[in-house]
Structures are given as structure tokens and as C-alpha cells.
Amino acid sequence: MPINWGDVPGFLEPRLTLFFSVDLVGSTSLKQKGEYPLKSHEEATFKDLGASWFAPIAKFYGDVDRQFAISWRNCEIAYKNALHGKELDIKPELWKTNGDELVYTVVLNKAEHVAYVLAAWTKALRNYRNDLIKQNHDLDVKGTAWLAGFPTGLFSSDHVAL
């Protein structure tokens, strides 16, 4: 008997979610270099109070998000141009942070959305990597992506089936 999805609460409807993440490579090594910038309390300034690794790692969160926002806007324009004015009806969002890792998620409505999301994501990571090189840090980024379906194998014709 086919499932009438109108009778199912929204949170139980079938969906295919793309997760994608970026990890800051070299951050642990940077933190463990043994640099303790604190001077004796008589000569310490406000600038001396933080560890030298804090600024580049804290900057990572905002810079990656900014690069992804720029890439996503370009992706939306490319999608609209490719489909003669049709708007991209999905929006990735930051799902969680895990140490020096950012994990984003987006529910996919169409198979071609995967290509657009991953194109925007890889462009953002390349741009951020170039920024790191210019800043002369021993840091890099690695990214990954994976799909999760709920409930597995129950996608009807009006839902994504990859």
C-alpha cells in the first residue's frame, strides 16, 4: 500500500540530506608549539594575554563562512542562468562545529542540487586555502561530503532519488 505523505508529520517525511564539512589541518600542531606569550605580569599588555594561535584559528570560523556565502551567491546566479530564471530553492546552513571543524547541511530537492552545492563548497575551500597561503600559516583545510537519507529507500517519485 503506497504511503500518503500528507498524513505523515513533516519531520517524518522522506528527505535526502547532504552534509559537508571543513577541517582546519595543522591547528593542533599550532596550538602545541609551546608558545606561551605571557610575560611577567608587570610587563604584560592586553595583546600578550592571548595565545599566539588564537587569532588564526578564531578567524577560520568567520572566514570560511564568508567565503561560502560568496560562493553560494555565485552558485545561485549560475543556477538561475542555467535554468532560465528558475530560483534555487535550497539553502545550506551551518549545522554544528566540532573543534576546528565546521559541518554544514542542506536538504536536497533535486539530484542536480548536489553538483551546485559541492561546486560552491569546493570554490569556497579553494579561496580560503589561498587566503591561508597568503597569511603564511602552517595551516590548511580538508573537506568532505556525505549523503544521508531518511527513511532509507522510501523516496517516492516526487522526492529526491539519486
N, C-alpha and C. Protein backbone atom coordinates (compact mmCIF):
# COMPACT_ATOMS: atom_id res chain seq x y z
N MET A 1 0.84 -1.18 0.00
CA MET A 1 0.00 0.00 0.00
C MET A 1 0.89 1.25 0.00
N PRO A 2 0.71 2.17 -0.96
CA PRO A 2 1.54 3.38 -1.00
C PRO A 2 1.28 4.27 0.22
N ILE A 3 2.34 4.97 0.61
CA ILE A 3 2.24 5.87 1.75
C ILE A 3 1.68 7.20 1.29
N ASN A 4 0.68 7.71 2.02
CA ASN A 4 0.15 9.05 1.76
C ASN A 4 0.97 10.01 2.62
N TRP A 5 1.93 10.72 2.00
CA TRP A 5 2.85 11.58 2.75
C TRP A 5 2.11 12.76 3.38
N GLY A 6 0.93 13.07 2.93
CA GLY A 6 0.15 14.15 3.56
C GLY A 6 -0.30 13.80 4.97
N ASP A 7 -0.36 12.49 5.28
CA ASP A 7 -0.77 12.04 6.61
C ASP A 7 0.41 11.92 7.58
N VAL A 8 1.62 12.13 7.08
CA VAL A 8 2.82 11.96 7.90
C VAL A 8 3.29 13.33 8.40
N PRO A 9 3.64 13.46 9.69
CA PRO A 9 4.18 14.74 10.17
C PRO A 9 5.42 15.13 9.37
N GLY A 10 5.62 16.42 9.20
CA GLY A 10 6.72 16.94 8.38
C GLY A 10 8.09 16.38 8.73
N PHE A 11 8.36 16.21 10.03
CA PHE A 11 9.68 15.73 10.42
C PHE A 11 9.92 14.26 10.07
N LEU A 12 8.85 13.54 9.67
CA LEU A 12 8.98 12.15 9.26
C LEU A 12 8.95 11.96 7.75
N GLU A 13 8.75 13.03 7.00
CA GLU A 13 8.72 12.92 5.54
C GLU A 13 10.10 12.52 5.02
N PRO A 14 10.14 11.74 3.95
CA PRO A 14 11.42 11.32 3.39
C PRO A 14 12.23 12.51 2.90
N ARG A 15 13.51 12.43 3.12
CA ARG A 15 14.39 13.50 2.65
C ARG A 15 15.80 12.96 2.46
N LEU A 16 16.52 13.61 1.61
CA LEU A 16 17.91 13.28 1.37
C LEU A 16 18.72 14.51 1.76
N THR A 17 19.62 14.33 2.71
CA THR A 17 20.39 15.44 3.24
C THR A 17 21.85 15.29 2.85
N LEU A 18 22.42 16.38 2.38
CA LEU A 18 23.84 16.43 2.08
C LEU A 18 24.53 17.11 3.26
N PHE A 19 25.50 16.44 3.82
CA PHE A 19 26.35 17.02 4.87
C PHE A 19 27.70 17.28 4.23
N PHE A 20 28.32 18.40 4.56
CA PHE A 20 29.66 18.68 4.06
C PHE A 20 30.40 19.47 5.11
N SER A 21 31.71 19.18 5.21
CA SER A 21 32.46 19.77 6.31
C SER A 21 33.83 20.23 5.86
N VAL A 22 34.42 21.06 6.70
CA VAL A 22 35.79 21.53 6.51
C VAL A 22 36.50 21.41 7.86
N ASP A 23 37.71 20.92 7.79
CA ASP A 23 38.53 20.76 8.99
C ASP A 23 39.80 21.57 8.79
N LEU A 24 40.23 22.25 9.83
CA LEU A 24 41.44 23.05 9.78
C LEU A 24 42.63 22.15 10.11
N VAL A 25 43.44 21.88 9.11
CA VAL A 25 44.59 20.98 9.24
C VAL A 25 45.77 21.77 9.80
N GLY A 26 46.41 21.21 10.81
CA GLY A 26 47.58 21.85 11.40
C GLY A 26 47.28 22.67 12.63
N SER A 27 46.01 22.75 13.01
CA SER A 27 45.65 23.60 14.15
C SER A 27 46.16 23.01 15.47
N THR A 28 46.10 21.70 15.60
CA THR A 28 46.58 21.09 16.84
C THR A 28 48.08 21.32 16.99
N SER A 29 48.82 21.14 15.93
CA SER A 29 50.26 21.37 15.95
C SER A 29 50.57 22.82 16.30
N LEU A 30 49.80 23.74 15.72
CA LEU A 30 50.00 25.16 16.01
C LEU A 30 49.76 25.46 17.49
N LYS A 31 48.73 24.84 18.05
CA LYS A 31 48.41 25.06 19.46
C LYS A 31 49.46 24.46 20.39
N GLN A 32 50.12 23.40 19.94
CA GLN A 32 51.05 22.69 20.81
C GLN A 32 52.50 23.08 20.61
N LYS A 33 52.75 24.17 19.92
CA LYS A 33 54.12 24.59 19.68
C LYS A 33 54.83 25.03 20.96
N GLY A 34 54.10 25.16 22.03
CA GLY A 34 54.74 25.55 23.28
C GLY A 34 54.96 27.04 23.43
N GLU A 35 54.27 27.81 22.62
CA GLU A 35 54.42 29.26 22.73
C GLU A 35 53.51 29.78 23.83
N TYR A 36 54.10 30.32 24.82
CA TYR A 36 53.34 30.92 25.90
C TYR A 36 53.68 32.40 25.91
N PRO A 37 52.83 33.21 25.33
CA PRO A 37 53.17 34.61 25.12
C PRO A 37 53.12 35.48 26.38
N LEU A 38 52.64 34.93 27.47
CA LEU A 38 52.53 35.77 28.66
C LEU A 38 53.90 36.14 29.19
N LYS A 39 54.06 37.40 29.43
CA LYS A 39 55.27 37.90 30.07
C LYS A 39 54.97 38.02 31.55
N SER A 40 55.93 38.44 32.29
CA SER A 40 55.65 38.66 33.71
C SER A 40 54.53 39.69 33.80
N HIS A 41 53.73 39.60 34.83
CA HIS A 41 52.55 40.46 34.90
C HIS A 41 52.89 41.94 34.90
N GLU A 42 54.10 42.28 35.26
CA GLU A 42 54.48 43.70 35.24
C GLU A 42 54.64 44.23 33.82
N GLU A 43 55.09 43.38 32.90
CA GLU A 43 55.34 43.86 31.55
C GLU A 43 54.30 43.40 30.53
N ALA A 44 53.31 42.63 30.95
CA ALA A 44 52.31 42.11 30.02
C ALA A 44 51.34 43.21 29.59
N THR A 45 51.03 43.21 28.30
CA THR A 45 50.00 44.11 27.77
C THR A 45 48.78 43.26 27.43
N PHE A 46 47.68 43.92 27.09
CA PHE A 46 46.46 43.19 26.72
C PHE A 46 46.72 42.24 25.56
N LYS A 47 47.54 42.68 24.60
CA LYS A 47 47.86 41.87 23.43
C LYS A 47 48.59 40.59 23.84
N ASP A 48 49.35 40.62 24.92
CA ASP A 48 50.12 39.46 25.37
C ASP A 48 49.26 38.42 26.06
N LEU A 49 48.03 38.75 26.38
CA LEU A 49 47.23 37.85 27.19
C LEU A 49 46.68 36.63 26.45
N GLY A 50 46.65 36.68 25.15
CA GLY A 50 46.14 35.54 24.39
C GLY A 50 47.25 34.71 23.80
N ALA A 51 46.99 33.45 23.58
CA ALA A 51 47.96 32.59 22.92
C ALA A 51 48.10 33.02 21.46
N SER A 52 49.29 32.86 20.91
CA SER A 52 49.54 33.33 19.54
C SER A 52 48.72 32.58 18.50
N TRP A 53 48.26 31.38 18.81
CA TRP A 53 47.49 30.59 17.85
C TRP A 53 46.01 30.99 17.81
N PHE A 54 45.56 31.74 18.81
CA PHE A 54 44.13 32.00 18.92
C PHE A 54 43.56 32.76 17.72
N ALA A 55 44.23 33.82 17.29
CA ALA A 55 43.69 34.66 16.21
C ALA A 55 43.51 33.91 14.90
N PRO A 56 44.53 33.18 14.40
CA PRO A 56 44.29 32.49 13.12
C PRO A 56 43.22 31.41 13.19
N ILE A 57 43.10 30.77 14.33
CA ILE A 57 42.09 29.72 14.44
C ILE A 57 40.70 30.32 14.62
N ALA A 58 40.58 31.37 15.40
CA ALA A 58 39.29 32.04 15.56
C ALA A 58 38.81 32.64 14.24
N LYS A 59 39.75 33.14 13.46
CA LYS A 59 39.42 33.74 12.16
C LYS A 59 38.86 32.70 11.18
N PHE A 60 39.27 31.45 11.33
CA PHE A 60 38.84 30.35 10.47
C PHE A 60 37.32 30.28 10.37
N TYR A 61 36.63 30.36 11.49
CA TYR A 61 35.17 30.20 11.51
C TYR A 61 34.48 31.25 10.66
N GLY A 62 34.82 32.50 10.85
CA GLY A 62 34.19 33.57 10.08
C GLY A 62 34.63 33.61 8.63
N ASP A 63 35.91 33.34 8.39
CA ASP A 63 36.43 33.42 7.03
C ASP A 63 35.85 32.34 6.13
N VAL A 64 35.74 31.11 6.63
CA VAL A 64 35.16 30.04 5.83
C VAL A 64 33.69 30.35 5.54
N ASP A 65 32.97 30.79 6.55
CA ASP A 65 31.56 31.12 6.36
C ASP A 65 31.39 32.25 5.34
N ARG A 66 32.26 33.24 5.40
CA ARG A 66 32.20 34.37 4.46
C ARG A 66 32.50 33.89 3.04
N GLN A 67 33.53 33.06 2.88
CA GLN A 67 33.87 32.53 1.55
C GLN A 67 32.73 31.69 0.99
N PHE A 68 32.10 30.90 1.87
CA PHE A 68 31.00 30.06 1.40
C PHE A 68 29.79 30.92 1.01
N ALA A 69 29.52 31.97 1.74
CA ALA A 69 28.40 32.86 1.39
C ALA A 69 28.62 33.48 0.01
N ILE A 70 29.84 33.90 -0.27
CA ILE A 70 30.16 34.48 -1.59
C ILE A 70 29.97 33.42 -2.68
N SER A 71 30.53 32.23 -2.46
CA SER A 71 30.42 31.15 -3.45
C SER A 71 28.96 30.75 -3.65
N TRP A 72 28.19 30.75 -2.56
CA TRP A 72 26.79 30.35 -2.67
C TRP A 72 26.00 31.36 -3.50
N ARG A 73 26.26 32.64 -3.30
CA ARG A 73 25.57 33.66 -4.12
C ARG A 73 25.89 33.45 -5.61
N ASN A 74 27.15 33.17 -5.91
CA ASN A 74 27.53 32.91 -7.31
C ASN A 74 26.86 31.64 -7.83
N CYS A 75 26.73 30.65 -6.98
CA CYS A 75 26.06 29.40 -7.35
C CYS A 75 24.59 29.66 -7.67
N GLU A 76 23.93 30.47 -6.86
CA GLU A 76 22.52 30.80 -7.11
C GLU A 76 22.35 31.51 -8.45
N ILE A 77 23.27 32.39 -8.78
CA ILE A 77 23.22 33.11 -10.05
C ILE A 77 23.42 32.13 -11.21
N ALA A 78 24.41 31.23 -11.07
CA ALA A 78 24.67 30.24 -12.12
C ALA A 78 23.46 29.33 -12.33
N TYR A 79 22.84 28.91 -11.24
CA TYR A 79 21.66 28.05 -11.33
C TYR A 79 20.53 28.77 -12.05
N LYS A 80 20.30 30.02 -11.68
CA LYS A 80 19.23 30.80 -12.29
C LYS A 80 19.49 31.00 -13.79
N ASN A 81 20.75 31.28 -14.15
CA ASN A 81 21.10 31.46 -15.55
C ASN A 81 20.96 30.16 -16.34
N ALA A 82 21.39 29.05 -15.74
CA ALA A 82 21.32 27.76 -16.43
C ALA A 82 19.88 27.30 -16.64
N LEU A 83 19.01 27.65 -15.73
CA LEU A 83 17.62 27.20 -15.82
C LEU A 83 16.67 28.33 -16.20
N HIS A 84 17.19 29.33 -16.88
CA HIS A 84 16.39 30.41 -17.46
C HIS A 84 15.47 31.07 -16.44
N GLY A 85 16.04 31.50 -15.34
CA GLY A 85 15.29 32.27 -14.36
C GLY A 85 14.74 31.50 -13.18
N LYS A 86 14.86 30.19 -13.19
CA LYS A 86 14.34 29.40 -12.07
C LYS A 86 15.26 29.56 -10.86
N GLU A 87 14.66 29.86 -9.71
CA GLU A 87 15.42 30.08 -8.48
C GLU A 87 15.86 28.77 -7.86
N LEU A 88 17.01 28.78 -7.23
CA LEU A 88 17.49 27.64 -6.46
C LEU A 88 16.73 27.65 -5.13
N ASP A 89 16.00 26.57 -4.86
CA ASP A 89 15.08 26.57 -3.72
C ASP A 89 15.63 25.84 -2.49
N ILE A 90 16.93 25.81 -2.35
CA ILE A 90 17.55 25.22 -1.16
C ILE A 90 18.53 26.23 -0.57
N LYS A 91 18.85 26.05 0.69
CA LYS A 91 19.80 26.96 1.35
C LYS A 91 20.59 26.17 2.39
N PRO A 92 21.90 25.97 2.16
CA PRO A 92 22.72 25.29 3.15
C PRO A 92 22.83 26.12 4.43
N GLU A 93 23.04 25.44 5.53
CA GLU A 93 23.21 26.15 6.80
C GLU A 93 24.26 25.43 7.64
N LEU A 94 24.88 26.20 8.51
CA LEU A 94 25.84 25.62 9.43
C LEU A 94 25.07 24.76 10.41
N TRP A 95 25.43 23.49 10.49
CA TRP A 95 24.74 22.55 11.36
C TRP A 95 25.39 22.51 12.73
N LYS A 96 26.73 22.37 12.74
CA LYS A 96 27.43 22.36 14.02
C LYS A 96 28.91 22.57 13.82
N THR A 97 29.56 22.91 14.91
CA THR A 97 31.01 22.97 14.92
C THR A 97 31.51 21.85 15.82
N ASN A 98 32.66 21.34 15.47
CA ASN A 98 33.25 20.26 16.25
C ASN A 98 34.74 20.56 16.34
N GLY A 99 35.13 21.32 17.36
CA GLY A 99 36.52 21.75 17.46
C GLY A 99 36.85 22.67 16.30
N ASP A 100 37.86 22.30 15.52
CA ASP A 100 38.27 23.10 14.36
C ASP A 100 37.64 22.55 13.07
N GLU A 101 36.41 22.11 13.18
CA GLU A 101 35.67 21.59 12.03
C GLU A 101 34.30 22.26 11.99
N LEU A 102 33.89 22.63 10.79
CA LEU A 102 32.55 23.20 10.56
C LEU A 102 31.77 22.19 9.72
N VAL A 103 30.55 21.89 10.14
CA VAL A 103 29.72 20.94 9.39
C VAL A 103 28.45 21.68 8.95
N TYR A 104 28.23 21.65 7.64
CA TYR A 104 27.05 22.27 7.05
C TYR A 104 26.11 21.18 6.57
N THR A 105 24.86 21.56 6.34
CA THR A 105 23.86 20.61 5.87
C THR A 105 22.87 21.32 4.95
N VAL A 106 22.29 20.54 4.06
CA VAL A 106 21.23 21.04 3.19
C VAL A 106 20.36 19.86 2.77
N VAL A 107 19.05 20.05 2.81
CA VAL A 107 18.12 19.02 2.33
C VAL A 107 17.98 19.23 0.83
N LEU A 108 18.19 18.16 0.08
CA LEU A 108 18.17 18.23 -1.38
C LEU A 108 16.77 17.98 -1.91
N ASN A 109 16.39 18.76 -2.91
CA ASN A 109 15.09 18.59 -3.56
C ASN A 109 15.22 17.94 -4.93
N LYS A 110 16.39 18.11 -5.55
CA LYS A 110 16.62 17.60 -6.91
C LYS A 110 18.04 17.07 -6.98
N ALA A 111 18.24 16.10 -7.84
CA ALA A 111 19.56 15.49 -7.98
C ALA A 111 20.64 16.51 -8.38
N GLU A 112 20.28 17.45 -9.25
CA GLU A 112 21.29 18.41 -9.72
C GLU A 112 21.76 19.36 -8.62
N HIS A 113 21.01 19.45 -7.55
CA HIS A 113 21.43 20.33 -6.45
C HIS A 113 22.77 19.91 -5.86
N VAL A 114 23.05 18.61 -5.88
CA VAL A 114 24.33 18.13 -5.33
C VAL A 114 25.49 18.82 -6.04
N ALA A 115 25.44 18.89 -7.35
CA ALA A 115 26.53 19.49 -8.12
C ALA A 115 26.70 20.97 -7.78
N TYR A 116 25.60 21.68 -7.65
CA TYR A 116 25.69 23.12 -7.35
C TYR A 116 26.23 23.35 -5.94
N VAL A 117 25.76 22.60 -4.99
CA VAL A 117 26.22 22.77 -3.60
C VAL A 117 27.71 22.46 -3.51
N LEU A 118 28.12 21.34 -4.09
CA LEU A 118 29.52 20.95 -3.98
C LEU A 118 30.44 21.87 -4.77
N ALA A 119 29.95 22.42 -5.87
CA ALA A 119 30.75 23.39 -6.63
C ALA A 119 30.98 24.65 -5.78
N ALA A 120 29.94 25.13 -5.14
CA ALA A 120 30.08 26.31 -4.29
C ALA A 120 31.00 26.02 -3.11
N TRP A 121 30.85 24.84 -2.52
CA TRP A 121 31.65 24.47 -1.36
C TRP A 121 33.14 24.35 -1.70
N THR A 122 33.45 23.64 -2.79
CA THR A 122 34.86 23.48 -3.15
C THR A 122 35.49 24.81 -3.56
N LYS A 123 34.73 25.68 -4.19
CA LYS A 123 35.24 27.01 -4.54
C LYS A 123 35.56 27.80 -3.26
N ALA A 124 34.69 27.72 -2.28
CA ALA A 124 34.93 28.42 -1.01
C ALA A 124 36.19 27.89 -0.33
N LEU A 125 36.35 26.58 -0.32
CA LEU A 125 37.53 26.00 0.32
C LEU A 125 38.82 26.36 -0.41
N ARG A 126 38.77 26.38 -1.74
CA ARG A 126 39.95 26.80 -2.51
C ARG A 126 40.30 28.25 -2.20
N ASN A 127 39.30 29.12 -2.15
CA ASN A 127 39.56 30.53 -1.85
C ASN A 127 40.12 30.70 -0.44
N TYR A 128 39.57 29.97 0.51
CA TYR A 128 40.08 30.06 1.88
C TYR A 128 41.51 29.51 1.96
N ARG A 129 41.78 28.42 1.26
CA ARG A 129 43.15 27.88 1.24
C ARG A 129 44.12 28.92 0.68
N ASN A 130 43.74 29.62 -0.38
CA ASN A 130 44.59 30.67 -0.93
C ASN A 130 44.83 31.78 0.09
N ASP A 131 43.81 32.12 0.87
CA ASP A 131 43.98 33.13 1.93
C ASP A 131 44.98 32.65 2.97
N LEU A 132 44.92 31.38 3.33
CA LEU A 132 45.86 30.83 4.32
C LEU A 132 47.30 30.90 3.80
N ILE A 133 47.48 30.60 2.53
CA ILE A 133 48.81 30.66 1.93
C ILE A 133 49.36 32.08 2.01
N LYS A 134 48.52 33.06 1.71
CA LYS A 134 48.94 34.47 1.78
C LYS A 134 49.30 34.89 3.20
N GLN A 135 48.62 34.31 4.18
CA GLN A 135 48.87 34.66 5.58
C GLN A 135 50.10 33.94 6.13
N ASN A 136 50.67 33.03 5.33
CA ASN A 136 51.89 32.32 5.70
C ASN A 136 51.75 31.51 6.99
N HIS A 137 50.61 30.87 7.17
CA HIS A 137 50.41 29.98 8.31
C HIS A 137 50.73 28.56 7.87
N ASP A 138 51.05 27.71 8.81
CA ASP A 138 51.23 26.29 8.51
C ASP A 138 49.89 25.59 8.66
N LEU A 139 48.86 26.20 8.15
CA LEU A 139 47.51 25.65 8.24
C LEU A 139 47.00 25.34 6.84
N ASP A 140 46.10 24.39 6.77
CA ASP A 140 45.46 24.04 5.51
C ASP A 140 44.04 23.60 5.85
N VAL A 141 43.27 23.25 4.84
CA VAL A 141 41.91 22.76 5.06
C VAL A 141 41.72 21.45 4.31
N LYS A 142 40.86 20.62 4.86
CA LYS A 142 40.41 19.43 4.13
C LYS A 142 38.90 19.39 4.25
N GLY A 143 38.27 18.99 3.18
CA GLY A 143 36.82 18.95 3.16
C GLY A 143 36.32 17.56 2.82
N THR A 144 35.09 17.32 3.19
CA THR A 144 34.44 16.06 2.87
C THR A 144 32.94 16.29 2.74
N ALA A 145 32.26 15.34 2.14
CA ALA A 145 30.80 15.43 1.99
C ALA A 145 30.22 14.03 2.01
N TRP A 146 29.00 13.92 2.51
CA TRP A 146 28.31 12.63 2.53
C TRP A 146 26.81 12.86 2.51
N LEU A 147 26.09 11.84 2.07
CA LEU A 147 24.63 11.90 1.97
C LEU A 147 24.01 11.01 3.04
N ALA A 148 22.86 11.43 3.53
CA ALA A 148 22.08 10.61 4.46
C ALA A 148 20.62 10.72 4.06
N GLY A 149 19.98 9.57 3.88
CA GLY A 149 18.57 9.55 3.53
C GLY A 149 17.73 9.10 4.70
N PHE A 150 16.54 9.68 4.81
CA PHE A 150 15.59 9.26 5.84
C PHE A 150 14.20 9.21 5.23
N PRO A 151 13.41 8.25 5.44
CA PRO A 151 13.86 6.91 5.79
C PRO A 151 14.52 6.29 4.58
N THR A 152 15.55 5.52 4.78
CA THR A 152 16.34 4.95 3.70
C THR A 152 15.46 4.13 2.76
N GLY A 153 15.58 4.41 1.47
CA GLY A 153 14.89 3.63 0.46
C GLY A 153 13.42 3.94 0.28
N LEU A 154 12.88 4.97 0.91
CA LEU A 154 11.45 5.26 0.79
C LEU A 154 11.17 6.55 0.03
N PHE A 155 11.98 6.86 -0.98
CA PHE A 155 11.76 8.08 -1.74
C PHE A 155 10.75 7.83 -2.83
N SER A 156 9.68 8.60 -2.81
CA SER A 156 8.66 8.46 -3.86
C SER A 156 9.07 9.27 -5.06
N SER A 157 8.31 9.25 -6.11
CA SER A 157 8.66 9.94 -7.35
C SER A 157 8.73 11.45 -7.18
N ASP A 158 8.03 11.99 -6.19
CA ASP A 158 8.08 13.44 -6.00
C ASP A 158 9.15 13.85 -5.00
N HIS A 159 9.96 12.92 -4.56
CA HIS A 159 11.07 13.20 -3.67
C HIS A 159 12.38 12.83 -4.38
N VAL A 160 13.48 13.28 -3.84
CA VAL A 160 14.77 13.03 -4.46
C VAL A 160 15.07 11.54 -4.47
N ALA A 161 15.54 11.06 -5.59
CA ALA A 161 16.01 9.68 -5.69
C ALA A 161 17.28 9.71 -6.52
N LEU A 162 18.41 9.58 -5.89
CA LEU A 162 19.68 9.61 -6.62
C LEU A 162 20.16 8.22 -6.91
